[in-house]
Protein backbone atom coordinates (compact mmCIF):
# COMPACT_ATOMS: atom_id res chain seq x y z
CA MET A 1 -0.27 -0.30 0.01
CA SER A 2 1.16 3.45 -0.56
CA THR A 3 1.75 6.37 2.18
CA PHE A 4 1.92 9.36 -0.68
CA HIS A 5 -0.36 12.10 0.72
CA ASP A 6 -1.00 14.90 -1.91
CA ASP A 7 -1.45 17.99 0.68
CA THR A 8 -1.37 20.78 -1.40
CA GLY A 9 -5.41 21.12 -0.62
CA THR A 10 -6.31 20.60 -4.74
CA HIS A 11 -6.51 17.39 -4.71
CA GLU A 12 -4.62 16.07 -7.47
CA SER A 13 -4.09 12.64 -8.60
CA PRO A 14 -0.99 11.33 -7.88
CA MET A 15 -0.95 9.82 -11.34
CA ASN A 16 0.47 13.33 -12.48
CA LEU A 17 3.94 13.35 -10.56
CA THR A 18 5.55 13.52 -13.98
CA GLY A 19 7.33 17.45 -14.49
CA HIS A 20 6.83 17.80 -10.67
CA PRO A 21 10.02 18.93 -9.00
CA VAL A 22 11.62 16.27 -6.21
CA VAL A 23 13.09 17.60 -3.18
CA ASP A 24 14.70 15.73 0.27
CA ASP A 25 12.96 16.11 3.24
CA HIS A 26 15.99 19.26 3.94
CA HIS A 27 14.59 20.90 0.58
CA GLU A 28 17.69 20.10 -1.18
CA LYS A 29 17.03 19.63 -5.64
CA VAL A 30 17.07 16.06 -6.21
CA GLY A 31 15.88 16.42 -9.85
CA THR A 32 12.38 16.39 -11.84
CA VAL A 33 9.65 13.57 -11.96
CA SER A 34 10.14 12.07 -15.43
CA ASP A 35 7.46 8.66 -15.01
CA VAL A 36 6.44 7.06 -12.94
CA LEU A 37 5.91 2.88 -11.95
CA TYR A 38 2.98 1.69 -10.49
CA ASP A 39 1.99 -1.24 -8.50
CA ASP A 40 -0.20 -3.94 -9.46
CA SER A 41 -3.41 -2.05 -7.24
CA GLY A 42 -2.64 1.37 -9.43
CA GLU A 43 -1.16 2.88 -6.63
CA PRO A 44 2.91 4.99 -7.99
CA ARG A 45 5.57 3.01 -6.99
CA TRP A 46 8.22 4.07 -8.51
CA ALA A 47 8.94 7.83 -9.70
CA ILE A 48 11.97 8.07 -12.03
CA VAL A 49 13.88 11.32 -11.68
CA ASP A 50 16.18 12.67 -13.74
CA PRO A 51 19.26 14.47 -11.66
CA GLY A 52 19.81 17.09 -14.69
CA VAL A 53 22.12 16.86 -17.72
CA MET A 54 24.85 15.02 -17.82
CA ARG A 55 22.97 12.40 -14.65
CA PRO A 56 21.91 9.12 -15.55
CA GLU A 57 17.89 8.26 -13.78
CA LYS A 58 17.31 7.26 -10.73
CA PHE A 59 14.48 5.11 -9.42
CA VAL A 60 12.77 6.65 -6.07
CA PRO A 61 10.12 5.12 -4.37
CA VAL A 62 7.09 6.99 -3.95
CA GLU A 63 6.26 5.38 -0.63
CA GLY A 64 6.49 8.35 2.50
CA SER A 65 6.32 11.07 -0.15
CA TYR A 66 3.89 14.06 -0.29
CA LEU A 67 3.37 17.16 -2.61
CA THR A 68 3.72 20.79 -1.54
CA THR A 69 1.76 23.90 -2.41
CA GLU A 70 4.48 25.14 -4.28
CA GLY A 71 4.10 21.48 -6.48
CA GLU A 72 7.94 19.86 -5.49
CA LEU A 73 7.45 16.40 -4.28
CA VAL A 74 9.55 15.57 -1.03
CA ILE A 75 10.96 12.17 -0.62
CA PRO A 76 12.21 10.70 2.45
CA TYR A 77 15.69 10.24 1.65
CA LEU A 78 18.91 12.38 1.48
CA LYS A 79 20.14 13.66 -2.23
CA ASP A 80 22.78 11.60 -1.52
CA GLN A 81 20.93 8.15 -0.89
CA VAL A 82 19.26 9.23 -4.29
CA LYS A 83 22.70 9.22 -6.44
CA HIS A 84 23.79 6.45 -4.84
CA SER A 85 20.98 4.22 -6.19
CA PRO A 86 20.60 1.90 -9.12
CA LYS A 87 20.47 4.07 -12.35
CA ALA A 88 17.21 3.45 -14.35
CA PRO A 89 17.79 2.21 -18.01
CA ARG A 90 16.42 4.17 -20.28
CA ASP A 91 13.23 2.17 -21.27
CA HIS A 92 12.17 2.57 -17.24
CA VAL A 93 11.26 -1.64 -17.31
CA LEU A 94 12.00 -2.32 -13.64
CA ASP A 95 13.59 -6.26 -13.13
CA SER A 96 12.67 -7.68 -10.25
CA ARG A 97 17.03 -8.14 -10.10
CA THR A 98 17.27 -4.60 -9.25
CA GLU A 99 13.78 -3.87 -8.47
CA GLY A 100 15.15 -5.80 -5.23
CA MET A 101 18.27 -3.59 -5.24
CA LEU A 102 16.56 -0.70 -4.85
CA GLU A 103 14.04 -2.36 -2.00
CA GLU A 104 17.37 -2.87 0.08
CA HIS A 105 19.19 0.22 -1.08
CA TYR A 106 15.73 2.27 0.65
CA GLU A 107 14.97 -0.10 3.02
CA VAL A 108 11.56 -0.69 1.53
CA GLY A 109 9.75 -3.51 0.65
CA ARG A 110 6.33 -5.51 -1.19
CA ASP A 111 4.56 -4.69 1.62
CA ASN A 112 4.90 -1.75 2.95
């Protein structure tokens, strides 16, 4: 189950995360959401974050994140932790091996 919530007051669907700036909980810019992967129930599970020019996109769990009134997606992970996570492939397809590595890296699980 996803713990994503929207505190913008607009009740924007979490499916509209693409394009939102991403910041860590210290408000350091991490990048911009370029894509979102969903679980079997249609809940957002992984955001693909583009950290900028000449840097590879990264998977970031959506769980525990929230949108601010300014439209920033605040994630409960430090920028450095995202920087050292496995790279997202160009096609944004997440295989089970990479998902396991990501779950270990971010300390999240399938049933969280």
